[in-house]
Each structure stands twice: as structure tokens, then as C-alpha cells.
């Protein structure tokens, strides 16, 4: 059976740490998406330890619970963003909006899917806070600044199953190795 079971949906990673319950954040995000989006299929990717925290409320809310095959890029880190390059091979959707689990919507973004389709991969930039103010924090942006890279964020990104997306995520995986 094909990896892509549905046309489109949202995906997040939930890898709990000692300080943050990312599974609970993903659960709240899924409820938020179900309440605000017409297209509201939702998948969560969990590691072995986080899977042990799953409860009935999670099974009732998440459309897909996907096991992270291995902690390839961040085994000794509490900050698991390095594993997100695996999303291309794990998503159950032909078109995916990958979100960080602490992002919530105040209204529908269903109309964004049409705009997203103009590109195979779309990354957000110019991050703003909940007050619509541009975030000037550079704490986690040093690698971008030091290497004169575009100020892109993967907190909200779109990709569709395509050769371009495959090349993008393959390169991201190589850069993290």
C-alpha cells in the first residue's frame, strides 16, 4: 500500500523531553485544527518513549500516529528538530503542512492550500509572535546569520510528494549527518 493514504493534512512531531510534553502540545494542536480547519486530517510522529504516553484521548483525536523509526539526528539532544528532515518519508499525505507542535490557528487557513500548490516546497519566513510583531530573537538563528542564509522557519512549512521535495529533504538529511 502506498505511503500516501490521503490527499492532504497536517503533521507534527511529538518527542517528549524532561521539560516539555510535546504530546500534549500536539493533542491541543490537533483539537485546534479540528475546530478551525475544514481540511483537518492530522498526523503525529512519535518516538518510542513518547509512544508510551499515548492515552485513549490521543487515539480518539489523531488521525494517524506514526512511529519515528529511529532518532537519527538528535539521539543525545533534548531539542529534536534535527529529526524533522524525516517527515517527507513519514507523512501519510500527498500534500503536507508540517507544523511545530506549539503553533495554533485563530482562523481557517483552508484557502492557503491553493497558494501552497504553486510550489513543491514552501517555507515560512519573517516569524511573528501572537501580537503580529516580527520576532527579532536570534538565539536559534545563529547558523542562518553566520552563513548568510535566508531567514526561513520550518515551524510551518508545506510540501507535496514530488521530485523537488524529495531532493530538498534528501539534502536536509545529508546536511544533518
N, C-alpha and C. Protein backbone atom coordinates (compact mmCIF):
# COMPACT_ATOMS: atom_id res chain seq x y z
N UNK A 1 0.84 -1.19 0.00
CA UNK A 1 0.00 0.00 0.00
C UNK A 1 0.88 1.24 0.00
N UNK A 2 0.44 2.25 -0.67
CA UNK A 2 1.19 3.50 -0.77
C UNK A 2 1.30 4.19 0.58
N UNK A 3 2.42 4.88 0.75
CA UNK A 3 2.62 5.68 1.96
C UNK A 3 1.56 6.76 2.08
N UNK A 4 1.18 7.33 0.94
CA UNK A 4 0.25 8.47 0.93
C UNK A 4 -1.18 7.97 0.87
N UNK A 5 -1.82 7.96 2.00
CA UNK A 5 -3.16 7.42 2.12
C UNK A 5 -4.25 8.46 1.83
N UNK A 6 -3.89 9.74 1.97
CA UNK A 6 -4.88 10.81 1.81
C UNK A 6 -4.27 11.97 1.03
N UNK A 7 -5.12 12.81 0.45
CA UNK A 7 -4.60 13.92 -0.36
C UNK A 7 -3.82 14.98 0.44
N UNK A 8 -4.34 15.39 1.60
CA UNK A 8 -3.68 16.48 2.31
C UNK A 8 -3.97 16.43 3.81
N UNK A 9 -3.04 17.03 4.57
CA UNK A 9 -3.24 17.07 6.01
C UNK A 9 -2.06 17.72 6.72
N UNK A 10 -2.17 17.75 8.03
CA UNK A 10 -1.18 18.38 8.90
C UNK A 10 -0.38 17.31 9.63
N UNK A 11 0.90 17.59 9.86
CA UNK A 11 1.79 16.67 10.56
C UNK A 11 2.60 17.45 11.58
N UNK A 12 2.82 16.85 12.75
CA UNK A 12 3.75 17.40 13.72
C UNK A 12 4.55 16.26 14.35
N UNK A 13 5.65 16.63 14.96
CA UNK A 13 6.47 15.69 15.72
C UNK A 13 6.17 15.89 17.20
N UNK A 14 6.10 14.79 17.94
CA UNK A 14 5.96 14.85 19.40
C UNK A 14 7.00 13.92 20.00
N UNK A 15 8.09 14.52 20.45
CA UNK A 15 9.14 13.79 21.14
C UNK A 15 9.32 14.46 22.49
N UNK A 16 8.68 13.89 23.49
CA UNK A 16 8.71 14.49 24.83
C UNK A 16 10.14 14.60 25.36
N UNK A 17 10.35 15.64 26.16
CA UNK A 17 11.62 15.83 26.85
C UNK A 17 11.32 15.93 28.35
N UNK A 18 12.35 16.08 29.14
CA UNK A 18 12.16 16.23 30.58
C UNK A 18 11.40 17.52 30.89
N UNK A 19 11.52 18.51 30.04
CA UNK A 19 10.92 19.82 30.30
C UNK A 19 9.61 20.08 29.56
N UNK A 20 9.38 19.40 28.43
CA UNK A 20 8.23 19.73 27.58
C UNK A 20 7.47 18.47 27.20
N UNK A 21 6.15 18.52 27.39
CA UNK A 21 5.26 17.44 26.98
C UNK A 21 4.75 17.77 25.57
N UNK A 22 5.55 17.39 24.57
CA UNK A 22 5.18 17.69 23.19
C UNK A 22 3.95 16.92 22.74
N UNK A 23 3.69 15.78 23.34
CA UNK A 23 2.49 15.03 23.01
C UNK A 23 1.24 15.81 23.40
N UNK A 24 1.27 16.44 24.55
CA UNK A 24 0.13 17.26 24.97
C UNK A 24 -0.03 18.47 24.06
N UNK A 25 1.09 19.08 23.67
CA UNK A 25 1.01 20.19 22.72
C UNK A 25 0.40 19.73 21.40
N UNK A 26 0.81 18.56 20.91
CA UNK A 26 0.25 18.02 19.67
C UNK A 26 -1.24 17.73 19.82
N UNK A 27 -1.64 17.23 20.96
CA UNK A 27 -3.06 16.96 21.22
C UNK A 27 -3.88 18.25 21.16
N UNK A 28 -3.39 19.29 21.82
CA UNK A 28 -4.10 20.59 21.80
C UNK A 28 -4.12 21.14 20.38
N UNK A 29 -3.00 21.00 19.67
CA UNK A 29 -2.95 21.48 18.30
C UNK A 29 -3.94 20.72 17.42
N UNK A 30 -4.03 19.42 17.58
CA UNK A 30 -4.98 18.63 16.79
C UNK A 30 -6.42 19.09 17.06
N UNK A 31 -6.75 19.31 18.32
CA UNK A 31 -8.09 19.82 18.65
C UNK A 31 -8.33 21.17 18.00
N UNK A 32 -7.31 22.03 18.02
CA UNK A 32 -7.40 23.35 17.41
C UNK A 32 -7.63 23.23 15.90
N UNK A 33 -6.89 22.36 15.25
CA UNK A 33 -7.04 22.18 13.80
C UNK A 33 -8.42 21.60 13.48
N UNK A 34 -8.88 20.65 14.27
CA UNK A 34 -10.21 20.08 14.04
C UNK A 34 -11.30 21.14 14.19
N UNK A 35 -11.06 22.13 15.07
CA UNK A 35 -12.06 23.17 15.32
C UNK A 35 -12.00 24.32 14.30
N UNK A 36 -10.85 24.55 13.67
CA UNK A 36 -10.70 25.73 12.83
C UNK A 36 -10.56 25.45 11.34
N UNK A 37 -10.22 24.22 10.97
CA UNK A 37 -9.94 23.93 9.56
C UNK A 37 -10.97 22.96 8.98
N UNK A 38 -11.37 23.23 7.76
CA UNK A 38 -12.26 22.29 7.07
C UNK A 38 -11.45 21.05 6.67
N UNK A 39 -10.27 21.26 6.11
CA UNK A 39 -9.34 20.17 5.84
C UNK A 39 -8.55 19.97 7.12
N UNK A 40 -8.86 18.94 7.90
CA UNK A 40 -8.29 18.86 9.24
C UNK A 40 -7.72 17.49 9.60
N UNK A 41 -7.27 16.75 8.60
CA UNK A 41 -6.63 15.47 8.89
C UNK A 41 -5.30 15.74 9.58
N UNK A 42 -4.97 14.94 10.58
CA UNK A 42 -3.85 15.25 11.45
C UNK A 42 -3.05 14.00 11.78
N UNK A 43 -1.74 14.11 11.62
CA UNK A 43 -0.83 13.01 11.96
C UNK A 43 0.21 13.50 12.95
N UNK A 44 0.55 12.65 13.90
CA UNK A 44 1.61 12.95 14.85
C UNK A 44 2.67 11.86 14.73
N UNK A 45 3.92 12.30 14.74
CA UNK A 45 5.05 11.38 14.67
C UNK A 45 5.67 11.32 16.06
N UNK A 46 5.76 10.12 16.61
CA UNK A 46 6.25 9.94 17.98
C UNK A 46 7.45 9.00 18.02
N UNK A 47 8.30 9.21 19.02
CA UNK A 47 9.40 8.28 19.24
C UNK A 47 8.94 7.20 20.22
N UNK A 48 9.80 6.24 20.48
CA UNK A 48 9.45 5.09 21.32
C UNK A 48 9.01 5.53 22.72
N UNK A 49 9.73 6.45 23.33
CA UNK A 49 9.39 6.87 24.69
C UNK A 49 8.07 7.64 24.74
N UNK A 50 7.86 8.51 23.77
CA UNK A 50 6.61 9.29 23.75
C UNK A 50 5.42 8.38 23.48
N UNK A 51 5.60 7.36 22.67
CA UNK A 51 4.51 6.41 22.38
C UNK A 51 3.95 5.82 23.67
N UNK A 52 4.79 5.63 24.67
CA UNK A 52 4.35 5.06 25.94
C UNK A 52 3.38 5.98 26.69
N UNK A 53 3.36 7.26 26.32
CA UNK A 53 2.47 8.23 26.98
C UNK A 53 1.11 8.35 26.29
N UNK A 54 0.92 7.66 25.18
CA UNK A 54 -0.35 7.76 24.46
C UNK A 54 -1.51 7.23 25.31
N UNK A 55 -2.61 7.96 25.29
CA UNK A 55 -3.83 7.60 26.01
C UNK A 55 -4.99 7.56 25.02
N UNK A 56 -6.13 7.13 25.49
CA UNK A 56 -7.30 7.00 24.62
C UNK A 56 -7.66 8.33 23.95
N UNK A 57 -7.51 9.44 24.66
CA UNK A 57 -7.85 10.74 24.07
C UNK A 57 -7.01 11.01 22.82
N UNK A 58 -5.77 10.54 22.81
CA UNK A 58 -4.91 10.73 21.65
C UNK A 58 -5.39 9.88 20.48
N UNK A 59 -5.71 8.62 20.76
CA UNK A 59 -6.20 7.74 19.71
C UNK A 59 -7.52 8.26 19.14
N UNK A 60 -8.33 8.88 19.97
CA UNK A 60 -9.62 9.43 19.52
C UNK A 60 -9.45 10.69 18.68
N UNK A 61 -8.35 11.40 18.83
CA UNK A 61 -8.16 12.70 18.19
C UNK A 61 -7.24 12.66 16.99
N UNK A 62 -6.11 11.98 17.10
CA UNK A 62 -5.15 11.91 16.00
C UNK A 62 -5.67 10.96 14.92
N UNK A 63 -5.59 11.40 13.67
CA UNK A 63 -5.98 10.52 12.57
C UNK A 63 -4.90 9.48 12.28
N UNK A 64 -3.66 9.84 12.53
CA UNK A 64 -2.53 8.94 12.35
C UNK A 64 -1.55 9.14 13.49
N UNK A 65 -1.04 8.04 14.01
CA UNK A 65 0.06 8.05 14.96
C UNK A 65 1.17 7.24 14.29
N UNK A 66 2.26 7.93 13.99
CA UNK A 66 3.33 7.34 13.19
C UNK A 66 4.57 7.21 14.06
N UNK A 67 5.17 6.05 14.02
CA UNK A 67 6.39 5.83 14.79
C UNK A 67 7.59 6.41 14.05
N UNK A 68 8.39 7.18 14.76
CA UNK A 68 9.67 7.65 14.26
C UNK A 68 10.59 6.43 14.23
N UNK A 69 11.06 6.02 13.06
CA UNK A 69 11.81 4.76 13.00
C UNK A 69 13.06 4.76 13.87
N UNK A 70 13.76 5.88 13.90
CA UNK A 70 14.93 5.98 14.76
C UNK A 70 15.26 7.44 14.99
N UNK A 71 15.87 7.69 16.11
CA UNK A 71 16.28 9.05 16.46
C UNK A 71 17.60 9.33 15.76
N UNK A 72 17.52 9.47 14.42
CA UNK A 72 18.71 9.55 13.58
C UNK A 72 19.64 10.71 13.90
N UNK A 73 19.06 11.87 14.09
CA UNK A 73 19.87 13.07 14.09
C UNK A 73 20.00 13.77 15.43
N UNK A 74 19.30 13.30 16.44
CA UNK A 74 19.34 14.01 17.73
C UNK A 74 19.25 13.05 18.91
N UNK A 75 19.96 11.94 18.90
CA UNK A 75 19.79 10.96 19.97
C UNK A 75 20.14 11.49 21.37
N UNK A 76 21.08 12.39 21.45
CA UNK A 76 21.52 12.89 22.76
C UNK A 76 21.06 14.32 23.03
N UNK A 77 20.11 14.79 22.27
CA UNK A 77 19.65 16.17 22.39
C UNK A 77 18.23 16.23 22.93
N UNK A 78 17.95 17.24 23.73
CA UNK A 78 16.58 17.48 24.16
C UNK A 78 15.80 18.26 23.10
N UNK A 79 16.50 18.81 22.15
CA UNK A 79 15.87 19.59 21.10
C UNK A 79 15.89 18.75 19.83
N UNK A 80 14.75 18.17 19.47
CA UNK A 80 14.67 17.12 18.47
C UNK A 80 14.37 17.62 17.05
N UNK A 81 14.55 18.89 16.79
CA UNK A 81 14.23 19.42 15.46
C UNK A 81 15.02 18.73 14.36
N UNK A 82 16.18 18.22 14.67
CA UNK A 82 17.01 17.59 13.65
C UNK A 82 16.33 16.37 13.03
N UNK A 83 15.37 15.77 13.70
CA UNK A 83 14.68 14.61 13.15
C UNK A 83 13.61 14.98 12.11
N UNK A 84 13.30 16.26 12.01
CA UNK A 84 12.19 16.66 11.15
C UNK A 84 12.46 16.48 9.66
N UNK A 85 13.72 16.29 9.28
CA UNK A 85 14.00 16.03 7.87
C UNK A 85 13.42 14.69 7.42
N UNK A 86 13.03 13.83 8.36
CA UNK A 86 12.45 12.54 8.03
C UNK A 86 10.97 12.63 7.64
N UNK A 87 10.36 13.80 7.81
CA UNK A 87 8.92 13.94 7.60
C UNK A 87 8.49 13.55 6.19
N UNK A 88 9.31 13.83 5.19
CA UNK A 88 8.95 13.50 3.81
C UNK A 88 8.64 12.01 3.66
N UNK A 89 9.40 11.17 4.35
CA UNK A 89 9.24 9.72 4.23
C UNK A 89 8.20 9.16 5.20
N UNK A 90 7.71 9.98 6.12
CA UNK A 90 6.77 9.50 7.13
C UNK A 90 5.34 9.99 6.95
N UNK A 91 5.15 11.12 6.28
CA UNK A 91 3.81 11.69 6.16
C UNK A 91 2.85 10.75 5.42
N UNK A 92 1.61 10.66 5.88
CA UNK A 92 0.62 9.86 5.17
C UNK A 92 -0.12 10.66 4.08
N UNK A 93 0.31 11.91 3.86
CA UNK A 93 -0.40 12.81 2.95
C UNK A 93 0.41 13.10 1.69
N UNK A 94 -0.28 13.27 0.57
CA UNK A 94 0.37 13.68 -0.67
C UNK A 94 0.80 15.14 -0.57
N UNK A 95 0.01 15.94 0.13
CA UNK A 95 0.34 17.34 0.42
C UNK A 95 0.33 17.49 1.94
N UNK A 96 1.40 18.05 2.48
CA UNK A 96 1.56 18.11 3.92
C UNK A 96 1.87 19.52 4.38
N UNK A 97 1.20 19.96 5.43
CA UNK A 97 1.63 21.13 6.18
C UNK A 97 2.25 20.59 7.45
N UNK A 98 3.57 20.78 7.58
CA UNK A 98 4.31 20.33 8.76
C UNK A 98 4.36 21.50 9.72
N UNK A 99 3.95 21.25 10.95
CA UNK A 99 3.88 22.29 11.98
C UNK A 99 4.74 21.92 13.17
N UNK A 100 5.29 22.92 13.84
CA UNK A 100 5.82 22.68 15.17
C UNK A 100 4.61 22.58 16.09
N UNK A 101 4.70 21.77 17.11
CA UNK A 101 3.52 21.42 17.90
C UNK A 101 3.00 22.55 18.78
N UNK A 102 3.71 23.67 18.88
CA UNK A 102 3.22 24.77 19.71
C UNK A 102 2.51 25.86 18.88
N UNK A 103 2.20 25.58 17.64
CA UNK A 103 1.53 26.55 16.77
C UNK A 103 0.03 26.29 16.78
N UNK A 104 -0.75 27.35 16.97
CA UNK A 104 -2.21 27.26 16.95
C UNK A 104 -2.77 28.23 15.92
N UNK A 105 -3.96 27.93 15.42
CA UNK A 105 -4.64 28.78 14.44
C UNK A 105 -5.81 29.50 15.08
N UNK A 106 -5.98 30.76 14.73
CA UNK A 106 -7.12 31.52 15.22
C UNK A 106 -8.25 31.55 14.20
N UNK A 107 -7.96 31.10 12.99
CA UNK A 107 -8.98 31.04 11.94
C UNK A 107 -8.56 30.03 10.87
N UNK A 108 -9.43 29.77 9.96
CA UNK A 108 -9.15 28.81 8.91
C UNK A 108 -8.05 29.30 7.98
N UNK A 109 -7.19 28.36 7.58
CA UNK A 109 -6.20 28.65 6.54
C UNK A 109 -6.47 27.76 5.32
N UNK A 110 -7.68 27.25 5.20
CA UNK A 110 -8.02 26.35 4.10
C UNK A 110 -7.66 26.95 2.73
N UNK A 111 -7.82 28.25 2.59
CA UNK A 111 -7.52 28.89 1.30
C UNK A 111 -6.01 28.90 0.99
N UNK A 112 -5.17 28.67 1.97
CA UNK A 112 -3.72 28.63 1.74
C UNK A 112 -3.31 27.46 0.85
N UNK A 113 -4.06 26.36 0.90
CA UNK A 113 -3.69 25.18 0.12
C UNK A 113 -3.55 25.53 -1.35
N UNK A 114 -4.41 26.38 -1.87
CA UNK A 114 -4.35 26.79 -3.27
C UNK A 114 -3.04 27.52 -3.56
N UNK A 115 -2.65 28.42 -2.67
CA UNK A 115 -1.39 29.16 -2.84
C UNK A 115 -0.19 28.24 -2.67
N UNK A 116 -0.25 27.34 -1.70
CA UNK A 116 0.85 26.40 -1.49
C UNK A 116 1.16 25.61 -2.76
N UNK A 117 0.12 25.24 -3.48
CA UNK A 117 0.29 24.38 -4.65
C UNK A 117 1.08 25.02 -5.78
N UNK A 118 1.38 26.29 -5.66
CA UNK A 118 2.20 26.95 -6.68
C UNK A 118 3.66 26.51 -6.60
N UNK A 119 4.05 25.91 -5.48
CA UNK A 119 5.42 25.42 -5.28
C UNK A 119 5.37 24.01 -4.71
N UNK A 120 6.45 23.27 -4.90
CA UNK A 120 6.53 21.93 -4.32
C UNK A 120 6.90 21.96 -2.85
N UNK A 121 7.66 22.98 -2.45
CA UNK A 121 8.08 23.16 -1.05
C UNK A 121 7.93 24.64 -0.72
N UNK A 122 7.25 24.95 0.37
CA UNK A 122 7.10 26.34 0.83
C UNK A 122 7.54 26.42 2.29
N UNK A 123 8.47 27.31 2.57
CA UNK A 123 8.93 27.56 3.93
C UNK A 123 8.47 28.94 4.36
N UNK A 124 8.14 29.09 5.61
CA UNK A 124 7.75 30.41 6.12
C UNK A 124 9.01 31.22 6.44
N UNK A 125 8.83 32.53 6.49
CA UNK A 125 9.95 33.42 6.84
C UNK A 125 9.38 34.61 7.59
N UNK A 126 10.27 35.38 8.23
CA UNK A 126 9.82 36.56 8.95
C UNK A 126 8.86 36.22 10.07
N UNK A 127 9.28 35.36 10.94
CA UNK A 127 8.44 34.86 12.03
C UNK A 127 7.83 36.02 12.85
N UNK A 128 6.56 35.88 13.18
CA UNK A 128 5.86 36.87 14.00
C UNK A 128 5.30 36.20 15.24
N UNK A 129 5.13 36.98 16.29
CA UNK A 129 4.55 36.45 17.52
C UNK A 129 3.03 36.60 17.48
N UNK A 130 2.38 36.23 18.56
CA UNK A 130 0.92 36.27 18.61
C UNK A 130 0.35 37.69 18.50
N UNK A 131 1.19 38.70 18.70
CA UNK A 131 0.75 40.09 18.57
C UNK A 131 1.07 40.67 17.18
N UNK A 132 1.44 39.79 16.26
CA UNK A 132 1.80 40.15 14.89
C UNK A 132 3.07 41.01 14.80
N UNK A 133 3.90 40.95 15.81
CA UNK A 133 5.18 41.66 15.79
C UNK A 133 6.27 40.71 15.30
N UNK A 134 7.13 41.22 14.44
CA UNK A 134 8.23 40.41 13.93
C UNK A 134 9.14 40.03 15.09
N UNK A 135 9.51 38.78 15.13
CA UNK A 135 10.41 38.29 16.18
C UNK A 135 11.84 38.65 15.81
N UNK A 136 12.49 39.33 16.71
CA UNK A 136 13.88 39.72 16.47
C UNK A 136 14.85 38.81 17.22
N UNK A 137 14.36 37.82 17.90
CA UNK A 137 15.22 36.90 18.63
C UNK A 137 16.09 36.13 17.65
N UNK A 138 17.37 36.08 17.91
CA UNK A 138 18.30 35.38 17.04
C UNK A 138 18.92 34.17 17.75
N UNK A 139 18.43 33.83 18.93
CA UNK A 139 19.00 32.75 19.72
C UNK A 139 19.16 31.46 18.92
N UNK A 140 18.12 31.09 18.21
CA UNK A 140 18.14 29.84 17.45
C UNK A 140 18.44 30.06 15.97
N UNK A 141 18.84 31.25 15.61
CA UNK A 141 19.04 31.61 14.20
C UNK A 141 20.50 31.84 13.86
N UNK A 142 21.41 31.52 14.78
CA UNK A 142 22.84 31.81 14.58
C UNK A 142 23.39 31.16 13.31
N UNK A 143 23.05 29.92 13.07
CA UNK A 143 23.57 29.23 11.88
C UNK A 143 23.15 29.95 10.61
N UNK A 144 21.95 30.52 10.60
CA UNK A 144 21.48 31.27 9.43
C UNK A 144 22.27 32.57 9.29
N UNK A 145 22.44 33.27 10.39
CA UNK A 145 23.17 34.53 10.37
C UNK A 145 24.63 34.31 9.98
N UNK A 146 25.27 33.34 10.62
CA UNK A 146 26.69 33.08 10.39
C UNK A 146 26.99 32.65 8.95
N UNK A 147 26.02 32.02 8.32
CA UNK A 147 26.23 31.51 6.96
C UNK A 147 25.49 32.31 5.89
N UNK A 148 24.95 33.46 6.27
CA UNK A 148 24.25 34.36 5.33
C UNK A 148 23.15 33.63 4.56
N UNK A 149 22.38 32.85 5.30
CA UNK A 149 21.28 32.08 4.72
C UNK A 149 19.97 32.85 4.85
N UNK A 150 19.00 32.54 4.02
CA UNK A 150 17.67 33.15 4.18
C UNK A 150 17.09 32.82 5.55
N UNK A 151 16.31 33.72 6.09
CA UNK A 151 15.75 33.57 7.43
C UNK A 151 14.44 32.78 7.37
N UNK A 152 14.56 31.51 7.01
CA UNK A 152 13.39 30.65 6.88
C UNK A 152 13.13 29.91 8.18
N UNK A 153 11.87 29.55 8.37
CA UNK A 153 11.43 28.81 9.55
C UNK A 153 10.70 27.57 9.09
N UNK A 154 10.94 26.45 9.76
CA UNK A 154 10.18 25.25 9.41
C UNK A 154 9.06 25.01 10.41
N UNK A 155 8.74 26.01 11.22
CA UNK A 155 7.64 25.91 12.17
C UNK A 155 6.31 25.68 11.47
N UNK A 156 6.20 26.23 10.27
CA UNK A 156 5.07 25.97 9.39
C UNK A 156 5.66 25.88 8.00
N UNK A 157 5.55 24.71 7.42
CA UNK A 157 6.04 24.53 6.05
C UNK A 157 5.09 23.61 5.30
N UNK A 158 5.10 23.76 3.99
CA UNK A 158 4.28 22.93 3.11
C UNK A 158 5.21 22.18 2.15
N UNK A 159 4.84 20.96 1.85
CA UNK A 159 5.50 20.24 0.76
C UNK A 159 4.51 19.23 0.19
N UNK A 160 4.74 18.90 -1.04
CA UNK A 160 3.94 17.84 -1.66
C UNK A 160 4.89 16.78 -2.19
N UNK A 161 4.36 15.59 -2.35
CA UNK A 161 5.16 14.49 -2.86
C UNK A 161 5.58 14.83 -4.28
N UNK A 162 6.87 15.08 -4.46
CA UNK A 162 7.40 15.48 -5.76
C UNK A 162 8.91 15.23 -5.77
N UNK A 163 9.49 15.29 -6.95
CA UNK A 163 10.94 15.14 -7.05
C UNK A 163 11.65 16.29 -6.35
N UNK A 164 11.11 17.49 -6.46
CA UNK A 164 11.72 18.66 -5.82
C UNK A 164 11.74 18.48 -4.30
N UNK A 165 10.62 18.06 -3.73
CA UNK A 165 10.57 17.86 -2.27
C UNK A 165 11.50 16.72 -1.86
N UNK A 166 11.55 15.67 -2.66
CA UNK A 166 12.46 14.56 -2.35
C UNK A 166 13.91 15.05 -2.31
N UNK A 167 14.30 15.85 -3.28
CA UNK A 167 15.66 16.40 -3.31
C UNK A 167 15.90 17.31 -2.10
N UNK A 168 14.93 18.14 -1.78
CA UNK A 168 15.05 19.06 -0.64
C UNK A 168 15.28 18.28 0.66
N UNK A 169 14.44 17.30 0.94
CA UNK A 169 14.55 16.56 2.19
C UNK A 169 15.77 15.63 2.20
N UNK A 170 16.16 15.12 1.05
CA UNK A 170 17.38 14.32 0.97
C UNK A 170 18.60 15.18 1.30
N UNK A 171 18.64 16.39 0.78
CA UNK A 171 19.74 17.31 1.08
C UNK A 171 19.73 17.69 2.56
N UNK A 172 18.55 17.98 3.10
CA UNK A 172 18.46 18.31 4.53
C UNK A 172 18.97 17.16 5.37
N UNK A 173 18.65 15.96 5.00
CA UNK A 173 19.12 14.78 5.74
C UNK A 173 20.64 14.66 5.64
N UNK A 174 21.19 14.91 4.47
CA UNK A 174 22.64 14.84 4.29
C UNK A 174 23.37 15.90 5.12
N UNK A 175 22.80 17.10 5.16
CA UNK A 175 23.43 18.20 5.90
C UNK A 175 23.46 17.94 7.40
N UNK A 176 22.51 17.15 7.88
CA UNK A 176 22.45 16.85 9.32
C UNK A 176 23.32 15.66 9.70
N UNK A 177 23.76 14.91 8.73
CA UNK A 177 24.56 13.70 9.03
C UNK A 177 25.96 14.06 9.49
